[in-house]
Amino acid sequence: MLPHKSFYEHCFHAVLFELLALLLCAPLMSWALGVSFTHAGLLTLMISLVAMSWNVIFNTLFDRLERQFRWQRSFGVRLLHAVTFEAGLILAVVPLAAWWLDIDLVAAFVLDIGLVLFFLPYTLVYNWCYDKVRAALHRRSGCAHN
């Protein structure tokens, strides 16, 4: 069994997630919205900072539930993780996008649905890969100490 993630590992996990997302999203958002790369990049950065904060809080709470209910990190648990994370993020991102793009909440919600359609599989794949790499590194460090 893998050791529990520390607060610092949760922070690393969140920063890496957001850096990769920023590199993917800023150019796509600029193209899709027809706004400058700078404008899209700043919105992406703001969303990223909100998401990073939510990521650390959410993952800490999710890990506690995982331990309490003795969940295994199956595909289903990761799917639950991705869906509930994105649902919570919608509550913060819609007003932010509406303000930044000077659009109404409905248009911002539609934009956010587009982001969710991108981030839902991205979140699932990122966390699945993170778990696999983490387990491999843990096995490797265990072998090195034997």
N, C-alpha and C. Protein backbone atom coordinates (compact mmCIF):
# COMPACT_ATOMS: atom_id res chain seq x y z
N MET A 1 0.84 -1.19 0.00
CA MET A 1 0.00 0.00 0.00
C MET A 1 0.89 1.24 0.00
N LEU A 2 0.47 2.23 -0.76
CA LEU A 2 1.24 3.46 -0.86
C LEU A 2 1.05 4.33 0.37
N PRO A 3 2.10 5.08 0.76
CA PRO A 3 1.93 6.01 1.88
C PRO A 3 0.97 7.13 1.48
N HIS A 4 0.32 7.70 2.48
CA HIS A 4 -0.60 8.82 2.23
C HIS A 4 0.18 10.01 1.71
N LYS A 5 -0.46 10.78 0.87
CA LYS A 5 0.17 11.98 0.34
C LYS A 5 0.25 13.04 1.43
N SER A 6 1.37 13.70 1.48
CA SER A 6 1.52 14.81 2.41
C SER A 6 0.87 16.05 1.81
N PHE A 7 0.73 17.07 2.62
CA PHE A 7 0.21 18.35 2.13
C PHE A 7 1.09 18.85 0.98
N TYR A 8 2.41 18.69 1.12
CA TYR A 8 3.33 19.17 0.10
C TYR A 8 3.18 18.38 -1.20
N GLU A 9 2.93 17.09 -1.09
CA GLU A 9 2.69 16.32 -2.31
C GLU A 9 1.39 16.74 -2.97
N HIS A 10 0.37 17.04 -2.18
CA HIS A 10 -0.87 17.56 -2.76
C HIS A 10 -0.61 18.87 -3.51
N CYS A 11 0.24 19.71 -2.95
CA CYS A 11 0.58 20.97 -3.61
C CYS A 11 1.33 20.71 -4.91
N PHE A 12 2.29 19.80 -4.89
CA PHE A 12 3.03 19.44 -6.11
C PHE A 12 2.07 18.90 -7.17
N HIS A 13 1.19 18.02 -6.76
CA HIS A 13 0.19 17.42 -7.64
C HIS A 13 -0.64 18.50 -8.31
N ALA A 14 -1.09 19.48 -7.54
CA ALA A 14 -1.94 20.55 -8.06
C ALA A 14 -1.17 21.48 -9.01
N VAL A 15 0.06 21.84 -8.64
CA VAL A 15 0.85 22.74 -9.48
C VAL A 15 1.17 22.08 -10.82
N LEU A 16 1.57 20.83 -10.80
CA LEU A 16 1.87 20.11 -12.04
C LEU A 16 0.63 20.01 -12.92
N PHE A 17 -0.50 19.67 -12.31
CA PHE A 17 -1.77 19.59 -13.04
C PHE A 17 -2.07 20.90 -13.74
N GLU A 18 -1.96 22.01 -13.01
CA GLU A 18 -2.31 23.32 -13.56
C GLU A 18 -1.31 23.80 -14.61
N LEU A 19 -0.04 23.54 -14.42
CA LEU A 19 0.95 23.95 -15.42
C LEU A 19 0.68 23.26 -16.76
N LEU A 20 0.44 21.97 -16.71
CA LEU A 20 0.14 21.24 -17.95
C LEU A 20 -1.16 21.75 -18.58
N ALA A 21 -2.17 21.99 -17.75
CA ALA A 21 -3.45 22.50 -18.26
C ALA A 21 -3.28 23.88 -18.89
N LEU A 22 -2.51 24.74 -18.27
CA LEU A 22 -2.27 26.08 -18.79
C LEU A 22 -1.62 26.03 -20.17
N LEU A 23 -0.65 25.15 -20.32
CA LEU A 23 0.03 25.01 -21.61
C LEU A 23 -0.91 24.50 -22.70
N LEU A 24 -1.90 23.72 -22.33
CA LEU A 24 -2.87 23.21 -23.30
C LEU A 24 -4.02 24.19 -23.55
N CYS A 25 -4.50 24.84 -22.50
CA CYS A 25 -5.73 25.64 -22.58
C CYS A 25 -5.58 27.04 -23.17
N ALA A 26 -4.53 27.74 -22.83
CA ALA A 26 -4.42 29.14 -23.26
C ALA A 26 -4.51 29.28 -24.78
N PRO A 27 -3.76 28.50 -25.54
CA PRO A 27 -3.88 28.67 -27.00
C PRO A 27 -5.25 28.21 -27.52
N LEU A 28 -5.80 27.15 -26.96
CA LEU A 28 -7.12 26.68 -27.39
C LEU A 28 -8.20 27.70 -27.09
N MET A 29 -8.14 28.30 -25.90
CA MET A 29 -9.15 29.28 -25.52
C MET A 29 -9.05 30.55 -26.38
N SER A 30 -7.84 30.97 -26.67
CA SER A 30 -7.64 32.13 -27.52
C SER A 30 -8.28 31.91 -28.89
N TRP A 31 -8.01 30.76 -29.45
CA TRP A 31 -8.56 30.42 -30.77
C TRP A 31 -10.08 30.30 -30.72
N ALA A 32 -10.61 29.57 -29.74
CA ALA A 32 -12.05 29.31 -29.66
C ALA A 32 -12.87 30.56 -29.38
N LEU A 33 -12.34 31.47 -28.57
CA LEU A 33 -13.08 32.68 -28.19
C LEU A 33 -12.78 33.87 -29.10
N GLY A 34 -11.77 33.74 -29.92
CA GLY A 34 -11.41 34.86 -30.79
C GLY A 34 -10.88 36.05 -30.02
N VAL A 35 -10.21 35.79 -28.92
CA VAL A 35 -9.61 36.87 -28.13
C VAL A 35 -8.10 36.73 -28.21
N SER A 36 -7.40 37.76 -27.78
CA SER A 36 -5.94 37.71 -27.84
C SER A 36 -5.42 36.59 -26.94
N PHE A 37 -4.26 36.12 -27.30
CA PHE A 37 -3.61 35.09 -26.50
C PHE A 37 -3.39 35.59 -25.07
N THR A 38 -3.02 36.87 -24.93
CA THR A 38 -2.80 37.45 -23.60
C THR A 38 -4.07 37.44 -22.77
N HIS A 39 -5.18 37.87 -23.37
CA HIS A 39 -6.46 37.90 -22.65
C HIS A 39 -6.90 36.49 -22.24
N ALA A 40 -6.78 35.56 -23.18
CA ALA A 40 -7.13 34.17 -22.88
C ALA A 40 -6.17 33.57 -21.86
N GLY A 41 -4.88 33.91 -22.01
CA GLY A 41 -3.88 33.38 -21.08
C GLY A 41 -4.09 33.88 -19.66
N LEU A 42 -4.47 35.16 -19.51
CA LEU A 42 -4.73 35.70 -18.17
C LEU A 42 -5.98 35.06 -17.55
N LEU A 43 -7.02 34.86 -18.35
CA LEU A 43 -8.21 34.17 -17.83
C LEU A 43 -7.85 32.75 -17.44
N THR A 44 -7.09 32.08 -18.28
CA THR A 44 -6.66 30.71 -17.98
C THR A 44 -5.84 30.68 -16.69
N LEU A 45 -4.97 31.67 -16.51
CA LEU A 45 -4.16 31.73 -15.29
C LEU A 45 -5.04 31.96 -14.07
N MET A 46 -6.01 32.87 -14.17
CA MET A 46 -6.91 33.11 -13.03
C MET A 46 -7.70 31.84 -12.70
N ILE A 47 -8.23 31.20 -13.71
CA ILE A 47 -8.97 29.96 -13.48
C ILE A 47 -8.04 28.91 -12.88
N SER A 48 -6.82 28.89 -13.35
CA SER A 48 -5.83 27.94 -12.84
C SER A 48 -5.55 28.16 -11.35
N LEU A 49 -5.42 29.43 -10.95
CA LEU A 49 -5.16 29.72 -9.53
C LEU A 49 -6.35 29.31 -8.65
N VAL A 50 -7.56 29.57 -9.13
CA VAL A 50 -8.75 29.12 -8.40
C VAL A 50 -8.78 27.59 -8.34
N ALA A 51 -8.52 26.97 -9.49
CA ALA A 51 -8.57 25.51 -9.56
C ALA A 51 -7.47 24.87 -8.70
N MET A 52 -6.30 25.50 -8.67
CA MET A 52 -5.22 24.95 -7.87
C MET A 52 -5.57 24.97 -6.38
N SER A 53 -6.14 26.06 -5.94
CA SER A 53 -6.56 26.14 -4.54
C SER A 53 -7.63 25.09 -4.24
N TRP A 54 -8.60 24.98 -5.13
CA TRP A 54 -9.67 24.00 -4.97
C TRP A 54 -9.09 22.58 -5.03
N ASN A 55 -8.11 22.37 -5.88
CA ASN A 55 -7.50 21.05 -6.03
C ASN A 55 -6.89 20.57 -4.72
N VAL A 56 -6.13 21.45 -4.07
CA VAL A 56 -5.48 21.06 -2.81
C VAL A 56 -6.53 20.76 -1.74
N ILE A 57 -7.51 21.63 -1.62
CA ILE A 57 -8.57 21.43 -0.62
C ILE A 57 -9.36 20.16 -0.93
N PHE A 58 -9.81 20.03 -2.17
CA PHE A 58 -10.64 18.90 -2.58
C PHE A 58 -9.89 17.57 -2.41
N ASN A 59 -8.64 17.51 -2.88
CA ASN A 59 -7.90 16.25 -2.81
C ASN A 59 -7.59 15.84 -1.38
N THR A 60 -7.35 16.81 -0.52
CA THR A 60 -7.14 16.48 0.89
C THR A 60 -8.40 15.86 1.48
N LEU A 61 -9.56 16.47 1.19
CA LEU A 61 -10.83 15.92 1.68
C LEU A 61 -11.15 14.57 1.04
N PHE A 62 -10.91 14.44 -0.27
CA PHE A 62 -11.19 13.19 -0.96
C PHE A 62 -10.32 12.06 -0.40
N ASP A 63 -9.05 12.34 -0.12
CA ASP A 63 -8.17 11.33 0.46
C ASP A 63 -8.67 10.87 1.83
N ARG A 64 -9.21 11.79 2.61
CA ARG A 64 -9.76 11.41 3.91
C ARG A 64 -10.95 10.48 3.75
N LEU A 65 -11.83 10.81 2.80
CA LEU A 65 -12.96 9.91 2.50
C LEU A 65 -12.48 8.56 2.01
N GLU A 66 -11.47 8.58 1.17
CA GLU A 66 -10.90 7.35 0.63
C GLU A 66 -10.39 6.45 1.76
N ARG A 67 -9.70 7.03 2.71
CA ARG A 67 -9.20 6.24 3.85
C ARG A 67 -10.35 5.77 4.73
N GLN A 68 -11.30 6.68 5.01
CA GLN A 68 -12.41 6.34 5.89
C GLN A 68 -13.24 5.18 5.34
N PHE A 69 -13.50 5.20 4.04
CA PHE A 69 -14.33 4.17 3.43
C PHE A 69 -13.51 3.06 2.77
N ARG A 70 -12.18 3.14 2.89
CA ARG A 70 -11.25 2.13 2.37
C ARG A 70 -11.45 1.88 0.87
N TRP A 71 -11.62 2.97 0.14
CA TRP A 71 -11.77 2.87 -1.31
C TRP A 71 -10.42 2.51 -1.94
N GLN A 72 -10.47 1.71 -2.98
CA GLN A 72 -9.30 1.43 -3.80
C GLN A 72 -9.29 2.43 -4.95
N ARG A 73 -8.14 2.79 -5.43
CA ARG A 73 -8.05 3.77 -6.53
C ARG A 73 -8.37 3.11 -7.86
N SER A 74 -9.58 2.70 -7.99
CA SER A 74 -10.04 2.07 -9.22
C SER A 74 -10.42 3.15 -10.22
N PHE A 75 -10.73 2.73 -11.42
CA PHE A 75 -11.18 3.66 -12.45
C PHE A 75 -12.46 4.35 -11.99
N GLY A 76 -13.38 3.62 -11.36
CA GLY A 76 -14.64 4.19 -10.87
C GLY A 76 -14.42 5.27 -9.81
N VAL A 77 -13.49 5.03 -8.90
CA VAL A 77 -13.18 6.03 -7.87
C VAL A 77 -12.56 7.27 -8.51
N ARG A 78 -11.71 7.07 -9.50
CA ARG A 78 -11.12 8.21 -10.20
C ARG A 78 -12.17 8.96 -11.01
N LEU A 79 -13.15 8.25 -11.54
CA LEU A 79 -14.24 8.91 -12.26
C LEU A 79 -15.07 9.75 -11.29
N LEU A 80 -15.40 9.20 -10.13
CA LEU A 80 -16.11 9.95 -9.09
C LEU A 80 -15.30 11.19 -8.69
N HIS A 81 -14.01 11.02 -8.53
CA HIS A 81 -13.11 12.11 -8.16
C HIS A 81 -13.18 13.23 -9.20
N ALA A 82 -13.04 12.87 -10.47
CA ALA A 82 -13.02 13.88 -11.54
C ALA A 82 -14.35 14.62 -11.65
N VAL A 83 -15.46 13.90 -11.57
CA VAL A 83 -16.77 14.53 -11.72
C VAL A 83 -17.07 15.47 -10.56
N THR A 84 -16.81 15.05 -9.34
CA THR A 84 -17.12 15.90 -8.19
C THR A 84 -16.17 17.10 -8.11
N PHE A 85 -14.92 16.91 -8.51
CA PHE A 85 -13.99 18.04 -8.55
C PHE A 85 -14.48 19.10 -9.53
N GLU A 86 -14.82 18.70 -10.73
CA GLU A 86 -15.26 19.65 -11.76
C GLU A 86 -16.57 20.33 -11.38
N ALA A 87 -17.48 19.61 -10.74
CA ALA A 87 -18.75 20.22 -10.32
C ALA A 87 -18.51 21.35 -9.33
N GLY A 88 -17.60 21.15 -8.39
CA GLY A 88 -17.29 22.20 -7.43
C GLY A 88 -16.60 23.38 -8.08
N LEU A 89 -15.78 23.12 -9.06
CA LEU A 89 -15.05 24.19 -9.73
C LEU A 89 -15.97 25.10 -10.55
N ILE A 90 -17.03 24.55 -11.09
CA ILE A 90 -18.00 25.35 -11.87
C ILE A 90 -18.52 26.52 -11.05
N LEU A 91 -18.76 26.30 -9.78
CA LEU A 91 -19.32 27.34 -8.91
C LEU A 91 -18.42 28.57 -8.81
N ALA A 92 -17.13 28.39 -8.95
CA ALA A 92 -16.20 29.52 -8.86
C ALA A 92 -15.86 30.10 -10.22
N VAL A 93 -15.78 29.26 -11.24
CA VAL A 93 -15.29 29.71 -12.55
C VAL A 93 -16.32 30.51 -13.33
N VAL A 94 -17.59 30.16 -13.25
CA VAL A 94 -18.61 30.85 -14.05
C VAL A 94 -18.65 32.36 -13.77
N PRO A 95 -18.74 32.78 -12.52
CA PRO A 95 -18.73 34.24 -12.27
C PRO A 95 -17.42 34.92 -12.70
N LEU A 96 -16.31 34.25 -12.50
CA LEU A 96 -15.02 34.80 -12.90
C LEU A 96 -14.96 35.00 -14.42
N ALA A 97 -15.35 34.00 -15.18
CA ALA A 97 -15.32 34.11 -16.66
C ALA A 97 -16.30 35.18 -17.14
N ALA A 98 -17.47 35.26 -16.51
CA ALA A 98 -18.46 36.28 -16.91
C ALA A 98 -17.88 37.68 -16.71
N TRP A 99 -17.25 37.89 -15.60
CA TRP A 99 -16.66 39.20 -15.31
C TRP A 99 -15.51 39.51 -16.28
N TRP A 100 -14.57 38.59 -16.44
CA TRP A 100 -13.39 38.83 -17.24
C TRP A 100 -13.72 39.05 -18.72
N LEU A 101 -14.66 38.27 -19.23
CA LEU A 101 -15.00 38.36 -20.65
C LEU A 101 -16.15 39.33 -20.91
N ASP A 102 -16.70 39.91 -19.83
CA ASP A 102 -17.84 40.83 -19.93
C ASP A 102 -19.00 40.17 -20.69
N ILE A 103 -19.37 38.98 -20.20
CA ILE A 103 -20.49 38.24 -20.77
C ILE A 103 -21.45 37.88 -19.64
N ASP A 104 -22.67 37.47 -20.00
CA ASP A 104 -23.62 37.12 -18.95
C ASP A 104 -23.30 35.73 -18.38
N LEU A 105 -23.95 35.42 -17.26
CA LEU A 105 -23.67 34.15 -16.58
C LEU A 105 -24.02 32.93 -17.42
N VAL A 106 -25.06 33.05 -18.26
CA VAL A 106 -25.43 31.92 -19.12
C VAL A 106 -24.32 31.64 -20.13
N ALA A 107 -23.82 32.70 -20.76
CA ALA A 107 -22.72 32.52 -21.72
C ALA A 107 -21.47 31.99 -21.01
N ALA A 108 -21.21 32.48 -19.81
CA ALA A 108 -20.06 31.99 -19.05
C ALA A 108 -20.25 30.53 -18.66
N PHE A 109 -21.49 30.15 -18.36
CA PHE A 109 -21.78 28.76 -18.04
C PHE A 109 -21.53 27.86 -19.25
N VAL A 110 -21.95 28.31 -20.42
CA VAL A 110 -21.71 27.55 -21.66
C VAL A 110 -20.20 27.40 -21.90
N LEU A 111 -19.46 28.49 -21.69
CA LEU A 111 -18.01 28.44 -21.81
C LEU A 111 -17.44 27.43 -20.82
N ASP A 112 -17.96 27.46 -19.60
CA ASP A 112 -17.46 26.54 -18.59
C ASP A 112 -17.79 25.10 -18.93
N ILE A 113 -18.92 24.86 -19.56
CA ILE A 113 -19.24 23.50 -20.00
C ILE A 113 -18.17 23.03 -20.99
N GLY A 114 -17.75 23.93 -21.88
CA GLY A 114 -16.66 23.59 -22.79
C GLY A 114 -15.38 23.26 -22.04
N LEU A 115 -15.09 24.02 -21.00
CA LEU A 115 -13.91 23.73 -20.18
C LEU A 115 -14.05 22.39 -19.46
N VAL A 116 -15.24 22.11 -18.95
CA VAL A 116 -15.48 20.84 -18.28
C VAL A 116 -15.29 19.68 -19.26
N LEU A 117 -15.78 19.85 -20.48
CA LEU A 117 -15.63 18.80 -21.48
C LEU A 117 -14.16 18.53 -21.80
N PHE A 118 -13.33 19.55 -21.66
CA PHE A 118 -11.89 19.36 -21.79
C PHE A 118 -11.30 18.77 -20.51
N PHE A 119 -11.65 19.38 -19.37
CA PHE A 119 -10.99 19.02 -18.12
C PHE A 119 -11.45 17.70 -17.52
N LEU A 120 -12.63 17.27 -17.80
CA LEU A 120 -13.08 16.00 -17.23
C LEU A 120 -12.17 14.86 -17.69
N PRO A 121 -11.97 14.67 -19.00
CA PRO A 121 -11.03 13.60 -19.38
C PRO A 121 -9.59 13.92 -19.00
N TYR A 122 -9.21 15.20 -19.06
CA TYR A 122 -7.85 15.58 -18.67
C TYR A 122 -7.60 15.23 -17.21
N THR A 123 -8.55 15.56 -16.33
CA THR A 123 -8.42 15.26 -14.90
C THR A 123 -8.32 13.77 -14.66
N LEU A 124 -9.16 13.02 -15.32
CA LEU A 124 -9.16 11.57 -15.17
C LEU A 124 -7.83 10.98 -15.62
N VAL A 125 -7.36 11.36 -16.79
CA VAL A 125 -6.12 10.82 -17.33
C VAL A 125 -4.92 11.27 -16.49
N TYR A 126 -4.90 12.56 -16.11
CA TYR A 126 -3.79 13.07 -15.32
C TYR A 126 -3.67 12.30 -14.00
N ASN A 127 -4.78 12.15 -13.28
CA ASN A 127 -4.73 11.48 -11.98
C ASN A 127 -4.43 9.99 -12.12
N TRP A 128 -4.95 9.37 -13.14
CA TRP A 128 -4.68 7.95 -13.38
C TRP A 128 -3.17 7.78 -13.62
N CYS A 129 -2.59 8.62 -14.47
CA CYS A 129 -1.16 8.55 -14.75
C CYS A 129 -0.32 8.90 -13.52
N TYR A 130 -0.76 9.91 -12.78
CA TYR A 130 -0.05 10.31 -11.56
C TYR A 130 0.01 9.12 -10.58
N ASP A 131 -1.12 8.45 -10.41
CA ASP A 131 -1.17 7.28 -9.52
C ASP A 131 -0.21 6.19 -9.98
N LYS A 132 -0.18 5.94 -11.28
CA LYS A 132 0.69 4.89 -11.82
C LYS A 132 2.17 5.25 -11.63
N VAL A 133 2.53 6.49 -11.93
CA VAL A 133 3.92 6.93 -11.77
C VAL A 133 4.30 6.91 -10.29
N ARG A 134 3.41 7.37 -9.44
CA ARG A 134 3.68 7.39 -7.99
C ARG A 134 3.91 5.98 -7.47
N ALA A 135 3.08 5.03 -7.90
CA ALA A 135 3.22 3.64 -7.47
C ALA A 135 4.54 3.06 -7.97
N ALA A 136 4.91 3.36 -9.22
CA ALA A 136 6.17 2.87 -9.77
C ALA A 136 7.36 3.44 -9.00
N LEU A 137 7.31 4.73 -8.70
CA LEU A 137 8.39 5.36 -7.93
C LEU A 137 8.48 4.77 -6.53
N HIS A 138 7.33 4.49 -5.95
CA HIS A 138 7.31 3.88 -4.61
C HIS A 138 7.92 2.48 -4.65
N ARG A 139 7.54 1.70 -5.68
CA ARG A 139 8.12 0.35 -5.82
C ARG A 139 9.63 0.43 -6.01
N ARG A 140 10.06 1.37 -6.86
CA ARG A 140 11.48 1.54 -7.16
C ARG A 140 12.25 1.92 -5.88
N SER A 141 11.71 2.85 -5.10
CA SER A 141 12.42 3.25 -3.87
C SER A 141 12.41 2.13 -2.85
N GLY A 142 11.36 1.30 -2.85
CA GLY A 142 11.32 0.15 -1.95
C GLY A 142 12.36 -0.89 -2.33
N CYS A 143 12.54 -1.09 -3.64
CA CYS A 143 13.55 -2.05 -4.11
C CYS A 143 14.96 -1.56 -3.81
N ALA A 144 15.13 -0.23 -3.90
CA ALA A 144 16.46 0.33 -3.66
C ALA A 144 16.89 0.17 -2.21
N HIS A 145 15.93 0.08 -1.30
CA HIS A 145 16.26 -0.02 0.12
C HIS A 145 16.39 -1.47 0.58
N ASN A 146 16.11 -2.43 -0.28
CA ASN A 146 16.19 -3.86 0.11
C ASN A 146 17.57 -4.41 -0.10
